[in-house]
Amino acid sequence: MKRRDALSSAKIDIKMLVFAGNPGNQYKETRHNAGWLCLETLEQRHSLSWSEKFNSRLGNFRLESSQYRVLQPLCFMNKTGEPVRKAADFFQLDPEEVLVIHDDLELPFGTVQIRKGGGLGGHNGLRSMKQHLGSDAFYRLRFGISRPSRGDVSSWVLSRFSVEEMPMMGILTERSIRVLEEILKGNHNTLINKKLNLLDGMPE
């Protein structure tokens, strides 16, 4: 069995979702905060109860018969790993039981991919998580923001979505969360690892 096929058929047991972003109004609706925009959609779809712990908002919700923890670190992106490690230690979670939702330069806008492990793509939040968890074996929902054709990457990720992109964000975050829900429910054989163009609708 090829490694990709083995991953798609293996049991996925995610117990905590991490939504990566930067705090502060100046970062609201920026590309680097795509994870937090997805969290807003999750909150619209599910009843979450919140508390504050580990320098984060800590919530939980139920999907079918399972309960999932939600962590929204309130530190800057490059410190994301610190609260994630504290939460993982407290709840006795392995890296494989954690999934982070984050922006990704290497995927076109409108594309998402859920996968386990892989490269960091220069993402400081992922780098911090790998450093503090001691592993890159956590799952990721990569939300494509495209790489700029020219100019500084740091300025690009910290800039707001364009006037053409922003009207599409509502449907893209909603479809991203729906894909994530299917993964959590175990319907992942046709979804895991694949690059899904959500501009064309939900995958079959």
Protein backbone atom coordinates (compact mmCIF):
# COMPACT_ATOMS: atom_id res chain seq x y z
CA MET A 1 0.00 0.00 0.00
CA LYS A 2 1.37 3.40 -0.93
CA ARG A 3 2.02 5.83 1.92
CA ARG A 4 -0.68 8.25 0.69
CA ASP A 5 -3.24 5.43 0.53
CA ALA A 6 -2.22 4.23 3.98
CA LEU A 7 -2.75 7.70 5.40
CA SER A 8 -6.16 8.05 3.78
CA SER A 9 -7.38 4.74 5.20
CA ALA A 10 -5.79 5.06 8.65
CA LYS A 11 -7.90 6.00 11.64
CA ILE A 12 -7.84 9.70 12.43
CA ASP A 13 -8.46 10.55 16.08
CA ILE A 14 -8.34 14.33 16.35
CA LYS A 15 -9.33 15.68 19.76
CA MET A 16 -8.27 19.34 19.71
CA LEU A 17 -8.56 22.02 17.03
CA VAL A 18 -6.12 24.95 17.11
CA PHE A 19 -7.02 28.13 15.21
CA ALA A 20 -3.89 30.15 14.41
CA GLY A 21 -3.88 33.93 14.16
CA ASN A 22 -2.62 37.21 15.57
CA PRO A 23 -4.44 39.24 18.24
CA GLY A 24 -5.36 42.90 17.73
CA ASN A 25 -7.74 44.82 15.50
CA GLN A 26 -4.93 45.68 13.10
CA TYR A 27 -4.70 41.99 12.12
CA LYS A 28 -8.42 41.37 11.76
CA GLU A 29 -9.35 40.06 8.30
CA THR A 30 -5.70 39.73 7.27
CA ARG A 31 -4.50 36.71 5.33
CA HIS A 32 -2.46 35.48 8.30
CA ASN A 33 -5.70 35.36 10.33
CA ALA A 34 -7.54 33.01 7.98
CA GLY A 35 -7.62 30.51 10.84
CA TRP A 36 -9.51 32.93 13.08
CA LEU A 37 -11.99 33.64 10.28
CA CYS A 38 -12.63 29.90 10.08
CA LEU A 39 -13.19 29.88 13.84
CA GLU A 40 -15.91 32.52 13.46
CA THR A 41 -17.68 30.14 11.09
CA LEU A 42 -17.29 27.21 13.49
CA GLU A 43 -18.90 29.34 16.20
CA GLN A 44 -21.84 30.06 13.89
CA ARG A 45 -22.35 26.35 13.20
CA HIS A 46 -21.92 25.00 16.74
CA SER A 47 -22.67 26.05 20.29
CA LEU A 48 -19.28 26.56 21.92
CA SER A 49 -18.71 27.16 25.61
CA TRP A 50 -15.61 29.24 26.31
CA SER A 51 -13.15 29.83 29.13
CA GLU A 52 -9.66 31.34 29.25
CA LYS A 53 -6.67 29.13 29.94
CA PHE A 54 -3.10 28.72 28.63
CA ASN A 55 -3.12 32.34 27.33
CA SER A 56 -5.89 31.23 24.98
CA ARG A 57 -9.62 30.96 24.55
CA LEU A 58 -10.47 27.37 25.33
CA GLY A 59 -13.76 25.97 24.10
CA ASN A 60 -15.48 22.73 23.27
CA PHE A 61 -18.29 21.50 21.06
CA ARG A 62 -19.99 18.24 20.23
CA LEU A 63 -20.26 16.70 16.77
CA GLU A 64 -22.43 13.61 16.61
CA SER A 65 -21.31 11.49 19.59
CA SER A 66 -17.84 13.03 20.02
CA GLN A 67 -16.63 16.12 21.84
CA TYR A 68 -13.77 18.29 20.61
CA ARG A 69 -11.68 20.93 22.29
CA VAL A 70 -11.00 24.24 20.56
CA LEU A 71 -7.93 26.36 21.30
CA GLN A 72 -7.53 29.94 20.09
CA PRO A 73 -4.09 31.13 21.23
CA LEU A 74 -4.14 34.83 22.13
CA CYS A 75 -0.39 35.25 21.69
CA PHE A 76 1.27 36.27 18.44
CA MET A 77 1.61 33.66 15.71
CA ASN A 78 5.28 32.91 16.35
CA LYS A 79 4.45 31.90 19.95
CA THR A 80 1.56 29.57 19.04
CA GLY A 81 3.39 26.46 20.17
CA GLU A 82 3.60 27.54 23.81
CA PRO A 83 -0.15 27.42 24.63
CA VAL A 84 -0.63 24.42 22.36
CA ARG A 85 1.99 22.47 24.32
CA LYS A 86 0.44 23.50 27.65
CA ALA A 87 -3.01 22.39 26.49
CA ALA A 88 -1.68 19.14 25.02
CA ASP A 89 0.11 18.34 28.27
CA PHE A 90 -2.92 19.22 30.39
CA PHE A 91 -5.32 17.09 28.34
CA GLN A 92 -2.69 14.38 27.69
CA LEU A 93 -2.85 14.69 23.92
CA ASP A 94 -0.35 13.35 21.41
CA PRO A 95 0.60 15.55 18.43
CA GLU A 96 -1.45 13.23 16.19
CA GLU A 97 -4.57 14.22 18.15
CA VAL A 98 -4.13 17.93 17.34
CA LEU A 99 -5.20 19.73 14.15
CA VAL A 100 -4.24 23.34 13.42
CA ILE A 101 -6.16 25.56 10.99
CA HIS A 102 -3.78 28.06 9.37
CA ASP A 103 -3.12 30.19 6.30
CA ASP A 104 -0.85 28.75 3.62
CA LEU A 105 1.11 30.63 0.97
CA GLU A 106 1.76 27.55 -1.14
CA LEU A 107 -1.90 26.87 -1.91
CA PRO A 108 -3.95 29.07 -4.26
CA PHE A 109 -6.69 31.20 -2.75
CA GLY A 110 -9.83 29.08 -2.51
CA THR A 111 -7.94 25.81 -2.03
CA VAL A 112 -7.68 23.84 1.21
CA GLN A 113 -5.86 20.67 2.15
CA ILE A 114 -6.03 18.57 5.30
CA ARG A 115 -2.95 16.48 5.91
CA LYS A 116 -0.76 15.08 8.66
CA GLY A 117 2.78 16.40 9.04
CA GLY A 118 4.77 17.73 6.13
CA GLY A 119 6.85 20.85 5.64
CA LEU A 120 6.42 24.08 7.55
CA GLY A 121 6.30 26.32 4.48
CA GLY A 122 8.03 29.13 6.35
CA HIS A 123 5.00 29.45 8.66
CA ASN A 124 6.12 30.71 12.07
CA GLY A 125 3.08 29.29 13.85
CA LEU A 126 3.79 25.79 12.54
CA ARG A 127 7.46 26.16 13.38
CA SER A 128 6.58 27.11 16.95
CA MET A 129 4.21 24.14 17.26
CA LYS A 130 6.84 21.71 15.99
CA GLN A 131 9.39 23.16 18.39
CA HIS A 132 7.17 22.94 21.47
CA LEU A 133 5.44 19.65 20.66
CA GLY A 134 8.73 18.05 19.64
CA SER A 135 7.08 16.68 16.51
CA ASP A 136 5.55 17.76 13.21
CA ALA A 137 3.06 14.86 13.25
CA PHE A 138 0.06 17.08 14.02
CA TYR A 139 -2.66 17.52 11.41
CA ARG A 140 -3.13 20.75 9.47
CA LEU A 141 -5.98 22.34 7.60
CA ARG A 142 -4.08 24.46 5.09
CA PHE A 143 -6.19 27.43 3.94
CA GLY A 144 -4.75 28.77 0.70
CA ILE A 145 -3.96 32.48 0.51
CA SER A 146 -1.69 32.33 -2.60
CA ARG A 147 1.87 33.56 -2.80
CA PRO A 148 2.29 37.17 -3.98
CA SER A 149 3.57 37.56 -7.53
CA ARG A 150 6.00 40.17 -6.25
CA GLY A 151 6.81 42.05 -3.08
CA ASP A 152 7.54 41.05 0.49
CA VAL A 153 5.87 37.89 1.80
CA SER A 154 5.65 39.26 5.36
CA SER A 155 3.74 42.30 4.15
CA TRP A 156 1.48 40.07 2.08
CA VAL A 157 0.39 37.76 4.91
CA LEU A 158 -0.20 40.73 7.22
CA SER A 159 -2.31 42.57 4.66
CA ARG A 160 -6.07 42.29 4.40
CA PHE A 161 -7.78 40.12 1.83
CA SER A 162 -8.47 42.06 -1.36
CA VAL A 163 -11.84 43.58 -2.22
CA GLU A 164 -12.28 40.72 -4.71
CA GLU A 165 -11.35 38.03 -2.17
CA MET A 166 -13.18 39.23 0.93
CA PRO A 167 -16.73 38.65 -0.40
CA MET A 168 -15.76 35.01 -1.03
CA MET A 169 -14.38 34.39 2.46
CA GLY A 170 -17.74 33.62 4.03
CA ILE A 171 -18.46 30.71 1.70
CA LEU A 172 -14.84 29.51 1.75
CA THR A 173 -14.63 29.38 5.53
CA GLU A 174 -18.04 27.69 5.67
CA ARG A 175 -16.96 25.02 3.18
CA SER A 176 -13.62 24.60 4.98
CA ILE A 177 -15.40 23.89 8.26
CA ARG A 178 -17.78 21.49 6.54
CA VAL A 179 -14.80 19.57 5.11
CA LEU A 180 -13.25 19.52 8.58
CA GLU A 181 -16.50 18.18 10.05
CA GLU A 182 -16.51 15.34 7.52
CA ILE A 183 -12.93 14.45 8.52
CA LEU A 184 -13.90 14.45 12.20
CA LYS A 185 -16.91 12.22 11.47
CA GLY A 186 -14.61 9.70 9.79
CA ASN A 187 -15.60 10.43 6.20
CA HIS A 188 -12.04 11.17 5.19
CA ASN A 189 -11.01 8.61 2.55
CA THR A 190 -11.79 10.97 -0.34
CA LEU A 191 -10.78 14.17 1.48
CA ILE A 192 -7.52 13.66 3.37
CA ASN A 193 -4.36 14.88 1.60
CA LYS A 194 -6.25 16.13 -1.45
CA LYS A 195 -6.06 19.76 -2.55
CA LEU A 196 -9.69 20.82 -2.69
CA ASN A 197 -10.77 23.81 -4.77
CA LEU A 198 -13.67 25.09 -2.69
CA LEU A 199 -14.42 27.90 -5.14
CA ASP A 200 -16.04 25.18 -7.25
CA GLY A 201 -18.21 23.96 -4.38
CA MET A 202 -18.02 21.13 -1.87
CA PRO A 203 -16.15 17.99 -2.95
CA GLU A 204 -18.29 15.00 -3.89
